């Protein structure tokens, strides 16, 4: 599932790019909808990760898997946040 949403996200921003502005936000929303429908937590790109996020797009062209690694790290963070929340209840 993670490979599917990562590929979608990358293709949406690099090839489809339907809007003049907001493509990244829309791609992340759709990616999270797909994840949520598959029972995964949503992924959030924090401002601290923004440079790594942008760099992973550039790196993906020459080093396939760079974007997947970045998204996987964000998913792990989301699982940790979810686990912490569930333990506090």
PDB file of N, CA and C in Angstrom:
ATOM      1  N   UNK A   1       0.824  -1.193   0.000  1.00  0.00           N
ATOM      2  CA  UNK A   1       0.000   0.000   0.000  1.00  0.00           C
ATOM      3  C   UNK A   1       0.875   1.266   0.000  1.00  0.00           C
ATOM      4  N   UNK A   2       1.940   1.244   0.781  1.00  0.00           N
ATOM      5  CA  UNK A   2       2.797   2.427   0.874  1.00  0.00           C
ATOM      6  C   UNK A   2       3.428   2.758  -0.474  1.00  0.00           C
ATOM      7  N   UNK A   3       3.817   1.745  -1.214  1.00  0.00           N
ATOM      8  CA  UNK A   3       4.393   1.968  -2.545  1.00  0.00           C
ATOM      9  C   UNK A   3       3.345   2.599  -3.476  1.00  0.00           C
ATOM     10  N   UNK A   4       2.121   2.142  -3.373  1.00  0.00           N
ATOM     11  CA  UNK A   4       1.048   2.679  -4.222  1.00  0.00           C
ATOM     12  C   UNK A   4       0.827   4.161  -3.941  1.00  0.00           C
ATOM     13  N   UNK A   5       0.706   4.536  -2.661  1.00  0.00           N
ATOM     14  CA  UNK A   5       0.448   5.950  -2.354  1.00  0.00           C
ATOM     15  C   UNK A   5       1.660   6.819  -2.667  1.00  0.00           C
ATOM     16  N   UNK A   6       2.848   6.268  -2.483  1.00  0.00           N
ATOM     17  CA  UNK A   6       4.058   7.034  -2.814  1.00  0.00           C
ATOM     18  C   UNK A   6       4.145   7.272  -4.316  1.00  0.00           C
ATOM     19  N   UNK A   7       3.893   6.229  -5.094  1.00  0.00           N
ATOM     20  CA  UNK A   7       3.922   6.382  -6.555  1.00  0.00           C
ATOM     21  C   UNK A   7       2.851   7.363  -7.025  1.00  0.00           C
ATOM     22  N   UNK A   8       1.645   7.251  -6.445  1.00  0.00           N
ATOM     23  CA  UNK A   8       0.584   8.198  -6.798  1.00  0.00           C
ATOM     24  C   UNK A   8       1.035   9.630  -6.516  1.00  0.00           C
ATOM     25  N   UNK A   9       1.540   9.842  -5.309  1.00  0.00           N
ATOM     26  CA  UNK A   9       1.945  11.177  -4.882  1.00  0.00           C
ATOM     27  C   UNK A   9       3.005  11.750  -5.831  1.00  0.00           C
ATOM     28  N   UNK A  10       3.992  10.950  -6.146  1.00  0.00           N
ATOM     29  CA  UNK A  10       5.074  11.383  -7.030  1.00  0.00           C
ATOM     30  C   UNK A  10       4.536  11.688  -8.434  1.00  0.00           C
ATOM     31  N   UNK A  11       3.717  10.795  -8.982  1.00  0.00           N
ATOM     32  CA  UNK A  11       3.174  11.000 -10.326  1.00  0.00           C
ATOM     33  C   UNK A  11       2.233  12.206 -10.377  1.00  0.00           C
ATOM     34  N   UNK A  12       1.424  12.375  -9.350  1.00  0.00           N
ATOM     35  CA  UNK A  12       0.497  13.500  -9.302  1.00  0.00           C
ATOM     36  C   UNK A  12       1.244  14.821  -9.364  1.00  0.00           C
ATOM     37  N   UNK A  13       2.336  14.912  -8.614  1.00  0.00           N
ATOM     38  CA  UNK A  13       3.071  16.179  -8.567  1.00  0.00           C
ATOM     39  C   UNK A  13       4.007  16.378  -9.753  1.00  0.00           C
ATOM     40  N   UNK A  14       4.564  15.306 -10.278  1.00  0.00           N
ATOM     41  CA  UNK A  14       5.542  15.466 -11.349  1.00  0.00           C
ATOM     42  C   UNK A  14       4.960  15.362 -12.756  1.00  0.00           C
ATOM     43  N   UNK A  15       3.906  14.594 -12.924  1.00  0.00           N
ATOM     44  CA  UNK A  15       3.385  14.388 -14.270  1.00  0.00           C
ATOM     45  C   UNK A  15       1.987  14.965 -14.486  1.00  0.00           C
ATOM     46  N   UNK A  16       1.100  14.750 -13.533  1.00  0.00           N
ATOM     47  CA  UNK A  16      -0.281  15.204 -13.707  1.00  0.00           C
ATOM     48  C   UNK A  16      -0.385  16.703 -13.443  1.00  0.00           C
ATOM     49  N   UNK A  17       0.032  17.134 -12.272  1.00  0.00           N
ATOM     50  CA  UNK A  17       0.115  18.548 -11.890  1.00  0.00           C
ATOM     51  C   UNK A  17      -1.046  19.375 -12.443  1.00  0.00           C
ATOM     52  N   UNK A  18      -2.302  19.065 -12.041  1.00  0.00           N
ATOM     53  CA  UNK A  18      -3.467  19.679 -12.692  1.00  0.00           C
ATOM     54  C   UNK A  18      -3.767  21.137 -12.338  1.00  0.00           C
ATOM     55  N   UNK A  19      -3.246  21.617 -11.228  1.00  0.00           N
ATOM     56  CA  UNK A  19      -3.626  22.955 -10.773  1.00  0.00           C
ATOM     57  C   UNK A  19      -2.434  23.909 -10.811  1.00  0.00           C
ATOM     58  N   UNK A  20      -2.717  25.183 -10.890  1.00  0.00           N
ATOM     59  CA  UNK A  20      -1.666  26.194 -10.867  1.00  0.00           C
ATOM     60  C   UNK A  20      -1.038  26.318  -9.489  1.00  0.00           C
ATOM     61  N   UNK A  21      -1.808  25.992  -8.463  1.00  0.00           N
ATOM     62  CA  UNK A  21      -1.328  26.087  -7.080  1.00  0.00           C
ATOM     63  C   UNK A  21      -2.036  25.024  -6.246  1.00  0.00           C
ATOM     64  N   UNK A  22      -1.390  24.546  -5.222  1.00  0.00           N
ATOM     65  CA  UNK A  22      -2.015  23.620  -4.287  1.00  0.00           C
ATOM     66  C   UNK A  22      -1.890  22.154  -4.648  1.00  0.00           C
ATOM     67  N   UNK A  23      -1.087  21.811  -5.646  1.00  0.00           N
ATOM     68  CA  UNK A  23      -0.949  20.413  -6.045  1.00  0.00           C
ATOM     69  C   UNK A  23      -0.399  19.533  -4.931  1.00  0.00           C
ATOM     70  N   UNK A  24       0.551  20.044  -4.175  1.00  0.00           N
ATOM     71  CA  UNK A  24       1.125  19.272  -3.069  1.00  0.00           C
ATOM     72  C   UNK A  24       0.093  18.979  -1.995  1.00  0.00           C
ATOM     73  N   UNK A  25      -0.684  19.987  -1.657  1.00  0.00           N
ATOM     74  CA  UNK A  25      -1.731  19.799  -0.634  1.00  0.00           C
ATOM     75  C   UNK A  25      -2.765  18.780  -1.091  1.00  0.00           C
ATOM     76  N   UNK A  26      -3.197  18.904  -2.340  1.00  0.00           N
ATOM     77  CA  UNK A  26      -4.188  17.969  -2.871  1.00  0.00           C
ATOM     78  C   UNK A  26      -3.603  16.554  -2.924  1.00  0.00           C
ATOM     79  N   UNK A  27      -2.358  16.424  -3.360  1.00  0.00           N
ATOM     80  CA  UNK A  27      -1.714  15.100  -3.431  1.00  0.00           C
ATOM     81  C   UNK A  27      -1.629  14.470  -2.043  1.00  0.00           C
ATOM     82  N   UNK A  28      -1.296  15.270  -1.028  1.00  0.00           N
ATOM     83  CA  UNK A  28      -1.198  14.735   0.335  1.00  0.00           C
ATOM     84  C   UNK A  28      -2.581  14.354   0.876  1.00  0.00           C
ATOM     85  N   UNK A  29      -3.595  15.140   0.550  1.00  0.00           N
ATOM     86  CA  UNK A  29      -4.955  14.809   0.990  1.00  0.00           C
ATOM     87  C   UNK A  29      -5.405  13.482   0.367  1.00  0.00           C
ATOM     88  N   UNK A  30      -5.220  13.344  -0.937  1.00  0.00           N
ATOM     89  CA  UNK A  30      -5.627  12.109  -1.612  1.00  0.00           C
ATOM     90  C   UNK A  30      -4.822  10.923  -1.081  1.00  0.00           C
ATOM     91  N   UNK A  31      -3.518  11.128  -0.884  1.00  0.00           N
ATOM     92  CA  UNK A  31      -2.670  10.066  -0.338  1.00  0.00           C
ATOM     93  C   UNK A  31      -3.204   9.617   1.023  1.00  0.00           C
ATOM     94  N   UNK A  32      -3.586  10.574   1.864  1.00  0.00           N
ATOM     95  CA  UNK A  32      -4.087  10.230   3.193  1.00  0.00           C
ATOM     96  C   UNK A  32      -5.466   9.576   3.138  1.00  0.00           C
ATOM     97  N   UNK A  33      -6.285   9.962   2.206  1.00  0.00           N
ATOM     98  CA  UNK A  33      -7.581   9.299   2.038  1.00  0.00           C
ATOM     99  C   UNK A  33      -7.370   7.831   1.689  1.00  0.00           C
ATOM    100  N   UNK A  34      -6.446   7.570   0.772  1.00  0.00           N
ATOM    101  CA  UNK A  34      -6.141   6.186   0.390  1.00  0.00           C
ATOM    102  C   UNK A  34      -5.628   5.412   1.607  1.00  0.00           C
ATOM    103  N   UNK A  35      -4.722   6.017   2.358  1.00  0.00           N
ATOM    104  CA  UNK A  35      -4.189   5.345   3.542  1.00  0.00           C
ATOM    105  C   UNK A  35      -5.290   5.066   4.563  1.00  0.00           C
ATOM    106  N   UNK A  36      -6.121   6.058   4.844  1.00  0.00           N
ATOM    107  CA  UNK A  36      -7.192   5.887   5.826  1.00  0.00           C
ATOM    108  C   UNK A  36      -8.186   4.805   5.404  1.00  0.00           C
ATOM    109  N   UNK A  37      -8.524   4.762   4.129  1.00  0.00           N
ATOM    110  CA  UNK A  37      -9.441   3.728   3.645  1.00  0.00           C
ATOM    111  C   UNK A  37      -8.830   2.337   3.774  1.00  0.00           C
ATOM    112  N   UNK A  38      -7.510   2.260   3.807  1.00  0.00           N
ATOM    113  CA  UNK A  38      -6.803   0.983   3.960  1.00  0.00           C
ATOM    114  C   UNK A  38      -6.417   0.719   5.408  1.00  0.00           C
ATOM    115  N   UNK A  39      -6.977   1.506   6.329  1.00  0.00           N
ATOM    116  CA  UNK A  39      -6.783   1.332   7.780  1.00  0.00           C
ATOM    117  C   UNK A  39      -5.382   1.717   8.269  1.00  0.00           C
ATOM    118  N   UNK A  40      -4.710   2.595   7.528  1.00  0.00           N
ATOM    119  CA  UNK A  40      -3.424   3.139   7.960  1.00  0.00           C
ATOM    120  C   UNK A  40      -3.659   4.536   8.512  1.00  0.00           C
ATOM    121  N   UNK A  41      -2.782   5.000   9.403  1.00  0.00           N
ATOM    122  CA  UNK A  41      -2.924   6.379   9.871  1.00  0.00           C
ATOM    123  C   UNK A  41      -2.487   7.358   8.779  1.00  0.00           C
ATOM    124  N   UNK A  42      -2.967   8.591   8.840  1.00  0.00           N
ATOM    125  CA  UNK A  42      -2.543   9.585   7.846  1.00  0.00           C
ATOM    126  C   UNK A  42      -1.079   9.969   8.068  1.00  0.00           C
ATOM    127  N   UNK A  43      -0.491  10.466   7.012  1.00  0.00           N
ATOM    128  CA  UNK A  43       0.899  10.932   7.060  1.00  0.00           C
ATOM    129  C   UNK A  43       0.885  12.451   7.072  1.00  0.00           C
ATOM    130  N   UNK A  44       1.691  13.029   7.949  1.00  0.00           N
ATOM    131  CA  UNK A  44       1.800  14.480   8.031  1.00  0.00           C
ATOM    132  C   UNK A  44       3.232  14.889   7.726  1.00  0.00           C
ATOM    133  N   UNK A  45       3.370  15.888   6.865  1.00  0.00           N
ATOM    134  CA  UNK A  45       4.686  16.435   6.546  1.00  0.00           C
ATOM    135  C   UNK A  45       4.834  17.685   7.400  1.00  0.00           C
ATOM    136  N   UNK A  46       5.620  17.571   8.455  1.00  0.00           N
ATOM    137  CA  UNK A  46       5.826  18.704   9.356  1.00  0.00           C
ATOM    138  C   UNK A  46       6.786  19.697   8.712  1.00  0.00           C
ATOM    139  N   UNK A  47       6.733  20.929   9.158  1.00  0.00           N
ATOM    140  CA  UNK A  47       7.618  21.950   8.580  1.00  0.00           C
ATOM    141  C   UNK A  47       9.086  21.570   8.768  1.00  0.00           C
ATOM    142  N   UNK A  48       9.395  20.851   9.834  1.00  0.00           N
ATOM    143  CA  UNK A  48      10.778  20.425  10.056  1.00  0.00           C
ATOM    144  C   UNK A  48      11.232  19.427   8.982  1.00  0.00           C
ATOM    145  N   UNK A  49      10.292  18.722   8.363  1.00  0.00           N
ATOM    146  CA  UNK A  49      10.596  17.726   7.329  1.00  0.00           C
ATOM    147  C   UNK A  49      10.466  18.278   5.910  1.00  0.00           C
ATOM    148  N   UNK A  50      10.073  19.533   5.768  1.00  0.00           N
ATOM    149  CA  UNK A  50       9.759  20.068   4.448  1.00  0.00           C
ATOM    150  C   UNK A  50      10.952  20.024   3.484  1.00  0.00           C
ATOM    151  N   UNK A  51      12.137  20.377   3.942  1.00  0.00           N
ATOM    152  CA  UNK A  51      13.306  20.339   3.064  1.00  0.00           C
ATOM    153  C   UNK A  51      13.606  18.904   2.632  1.00  0.00           C
ATOM    154  N   UNK A  52      13.520  17.961   3.573  1.00  0.00           N
ATOM    155  CA  UNK A  52      13.730  16.549   3.227  1.00  0.00           C
ATOM    156  C   UNK A  52      12.668  16.072   2.233  1.00  0.00           C
ATOM    157  N   UNK A  53      11.453  16.547   2.418  1.00  0.00           N
ATOM    158  CA  UNK A  53      10.348  16.212   1.523  1.00  0.00           C
ATOM    159  C   UNK A  53      10.669  16.682   0.103  1.00  0.00           C
ATOM    160  N   UNK A  54      11.070  17.924  -0.027  1.00  0.00           N
ATOM    161  CA  UNK A  54      11.402  18.470  -1.345  1.00  0.00           C
ATOM    162  C   UNK A  54      12.608  17.752  -1.950  1.00  0.00           C
ATOM    163  N   UNK A  55      13.610  17.485  -1.132  1.00  0.00           N
ATOM    164  CA  UNK A  55      14.805  16.795  -1.619  1.00  0.00           C
ATOM    165  C   UNK A  55      14.496  15.366  -2.065  1.00  0.00           C
ATOM    166  N   UNK A  56      13.540  14.722  -1.398  1.00  0.00           N
ATOM    167  CA  UNK A  56      13.212  13.346  -1.781  1.00  0.00           C
ATOM    168  C   UNK A  56      12.599  13.301  -3.178  1.00  0.00           C
ATOM    169  N   UNK A  57      11.878  14.355  -3.577  1.00  0.00           N
ATOM    170  CA  UNK A  57      11.348  14.425  -4.934  1.00  0.00           C
ATOM    171  C   UNK A  57      12.477  14.517  -5.947  1.00  0.00           C
ATOM    172  N   UNK A  58      13.423  15.386  -5.678  1.00  0.00           N
ATOM    173  CA  UNK A  58      14.556  15.536  -6.593  1.00  0.00           C
ATOM    174  C   UNK A  58      15.378  14.263  -6.656  1.00  0.00           C
ATOM    175  N   UNK A  59      15.602  13.635  -5.505  1.00  0.00           N
ATOM    176  CA  UNK A  59      16.415  12.422  -5.450  1.00  0.00           C
ATOM    177  C   UNK A  59      15.734  11.254  -6.154  1.00  0.00           C
ATOM    178  N   UNK A  60      14.413  11.222  -6.144  1.00  0.00           N
ATOM    179  CA  UNK A  60      13.662  10.104  -6.739  1.00  0.00           C
ATOM    180  C   UNK A  60      13.981   9.929  -8.218  1.00  0.00           C
ATOM    181  N   UNK A  61      14.236  11.010  -8.899  1.00  0.00           N
ATOM    182  CA  UNK A  61      14.543  10.936 -10.335  1.00  0.00           C
ATOM    183  C   UNK A  61      15.794  10.101 -10.596  1.00  0.00           C
ATOM    184  N   UNK A  62      16.821  10.265  -9.769  1.00  0.00           N
ATOM    185  CA  UNK A  62      18.100   9.572  -9.966  1.00  0.00           C
ATOM    186  C   UNK A  62      18.283   8.370  -9.055  1.00  0.00           C
ATOM    187  N   UNK A  63      17.534   8.351  -7.971  1.00  0.00           N
ATOM    188  CA  UNK A  63      17.665   7.288  -6.987  1.00  0.00           C
ATOM    189  C   UNK A  63      16.277   6.783  -6.580  1.00  0.00           C
ATOM    190  N   UNK A  64      15.674   5.930  -7.437  1.00  0.00           N
ATOM    191  CA  UNK A  64      14.329   5.438  -7.128  1.00  0.00           C
ATOM    192  C   UNK A  64      14.266   4.803  -5.735  1.00  0.00           C
ATOM    193  N   UNK A  65      13.221   5.126  -5.025  1.00  0.00           N
ATOM    194  CA  UNK A  65      13.057   4.635  -3.663  1.00  0.00           C
ATOM    195  C   UNK A  65      13.273   5.712  -2.623  1.00  0.00           C
ATOM    196  N   UNK A  66      13.838   6.839  -3.036  1.00  0.00           N
ATOM    197  CA  UNK A  66      14.088   7.940  -2.096  1.00  0.00           C
ATOM    198  C   UNK A  66      12.781   8.466  -1.516  1.00  0.00           C
ATOM    199  N   UNK A  67      11.793   8.619  -2.368  1.00  0.00           N
ATOM    200  CA  UNK A  67      10.489   9.117  -1.919  1.00  0.00           C
ATOM    201  C   UNK A  67       9.811   8.084  -1.021  1.00  0.00           C
ATOM    202  N   UNK A  68       9.919   6.817  -1.397  1.00  0.00           N
ATOM    203  CA  UNK A  68       9.327   5.745  -0.591  1.00  0.00           C
ATOM    204  C   UNK A  68       9.953   5.725   0.804  1.00  0.00           C
ATOM    205  N   UNK A  69      11.251   5.891   0.891  1.00  0.00           N
ATOM    206  CA  UNK A  69      11.922   5.926   2.197  1.00  0.00           C
ATOM    207  C   UNK A  69      11.416   7.087   3.040  1.00  0.00           C
ATOM    208  N   UNK A  70      11.254   8.243   2.422  1.00  0.00           N
ATOM    209  CA  UNK A  70      10.773   9.413   3.154  1.00  0.00           C
ATOM    210  C   UNK A  70       9.353   9.177   3.659  1.00  0.00           C
ATOM    211  N   UNK A  71       8.470   8.697   2.783  1.00  0.00           N
ATOM    212  CA  UNK A  71       7.072   8.458   3.164  1.00  0.00           C
ATOM    213  C   UNK A  71       6.998   7.353   4.225  1.00  0.00           C
ATOM    214  N   UNK A  72       7.815   6.329   4.103  1.00  0.00           N
ATOM    215  CA  UNK A  72       7.839   5.248   5.106  1.00  0.00           C
ATOM    216  C   UNK A  72       8.222   5.797   6.476  1.00  0.00           C
ATOM    217  N   UNK A  73       9.197   6.679   6.522  1.00  0.00           N
ATOM    218  CA  UNK A  73       9.598   7.294   7.800  1.00  0.00           C
ATOM    219  C   UNK A  73       8.441   8.103   8.397  1.00  0.00           C
ATOM    220  N   UNK A  74       7.704   8.817   7.552  1.00  0.00           N
ATOM    221  CA  UNK A  74       6.558   9.589   8.050  1.00  0.00           C
ATOM    222  C   UNK A  74       5.444   8.662   8.546  1.00  0.00           C
ATOM    223  N   UNK A  75       5.262   7.531   7.883  1.00  0.00           N
ATOM    224  CA  UNK A  75       4.242   6.579   8.323  1.00  0.00           C
ATOM    225  C   UNK A  75       4.622   5.982   9.678  1.00  0.00           C
ATOM    226  N   UNK A  76       5.876   5.677   9.864  1.00  0.00           N
ATOM    227  CA  UNK A  76       6.343   5.172  11.167  1.00  0.00           C
ATOM    228  C   UNK A  76       6.065   6.208  12.254  1.00  0.00           C
ATOM    229  N   UNK A  77       6.338   7.480  11.952  1.00  0.00           N
ATOM    230  CA  UNK A  77       6.034   8.546  12.918  1.00  0.00           C
ATOM    231  C   UNK A  77       4.545   8.572  13.243  1.00  0.00           C
ATOM    232  N   UNK A  78       3.698   8.414  12.226  1.00  0.00           N
ATOM    233  CA  UNK A  78       2.253   8.422  12.444  1.00  0.00           C
ATOM    234  C   UNK A  78       1.811   7.253  13.317  1.00  0.00           C
ATOM    235  N   UNK A  79       2.394   6.084  13.084  1.00  0.00           N
ATOM    236  CA  UNK A  79       2.071   4.932  13.929  1.00  0.00           C
ATOM    237  C   UNK A  79       2.467   5.187  15.379  1.00  0.00           C
ATOM    238  N   UNK A  80       3.607   5.826  15.586  1.00  0.00           N
ATOM    239  CA  UNK A  80       4.057   6.135  16.946  1.00  0.00           C
ATOM    240  C   UNK A  80       3.117   7.119  17.636  1.00  0.00           C
ATOM    241  N   UNK A  81       2.666   8.127  16.916  1.00  0.00           N
ATOM    242  CA  UNK A  81       1.722   9.098  17.470  1.00  0.00           C
ATOM    243  C   UNK A  81       0.405   8.400  17.815  1.00  0.00           C
ATOM    244  N   UNK A  82      -0.046   7.548  16.918  1.00  0.00           N
ATOM    245  CA  UNK A  82      -1.291   6.814  17.165  1.00  0.00           C
ATOM    246  C   UNK A  82      -1.147   5.904  18.383  1.00  0.00           C
ATOM    247  N   UNK A  83      -0.025   5.216  18.486  1.00  0.00           N
ATOM    248  CA  UNK A  83       0.215   4.327  19.624  1.00  0.00           C
ATOM    249  C   UNK A  83       0.238   5.110  20.938  1.00  0.00           C
ATOM    250  N   UNK A  84       0.918   6.243  20.932  1.00  0.00           N
ATOM    251  CA  UNK A  84       0.986   7.082  22.120  1.00  0.00           C
ATOM    252  C   UNK A  84      -0.412   7.552  22.534  1.00  0.00           C
ATOM    253  N   UNK A  85      -1.208   7.963  21.556  1.00  0.00           N
ATOM    254  CA  UNK A  85      -2.564   8.397  21.837  1.00  0.00           C
ATOM    255  C   UNK A  85      -3.399   7.256  22.436  1.00  0.00           C
ATOM    256  N   UNK A  86      -3.313   6.090  21.840  1.00  0.00           N
ATOM    257  CA  UNK A  86      -4.110   4.953  22.317  1.00  0.00           C
ATOM    258  C   UNK A  86      -3.694   4.519  23.728  1.00  0.00           C
ATOM    259  N   UNK A  87      -2.407   4.611  24.029  1.00  0.00           N
ATOM    260  CA  UNK A  87      -1.929   4.252  25.373  1.00  0.00           C
ATOM    261  C   UNK A  87      -2.393   5.255  26.422  1.00  0.00           C
ATOM    262  N   UNK A  88      -2.609   6.488  26.009  1.00  0.00           N
ATOM    263  CA  UNK A  88      -3.008   7.538  26.968  1.00  0.00           C
ATOM    264  C   UNK A  88      -4.500   7.483  27.287  1.00  0.00           C
ATOM    265  N   UNK A  89      -5.240   6.704  26.565  1.00  0.00           N
ATOM    266  CA  UNK A  89      -6.696   6.640  26.762  1.00  0.00           C
ATOM    267  C   UNK A  89      -7.070   5.718  27.870  1.00  0.00           C
TER     268      UNK A  89
END
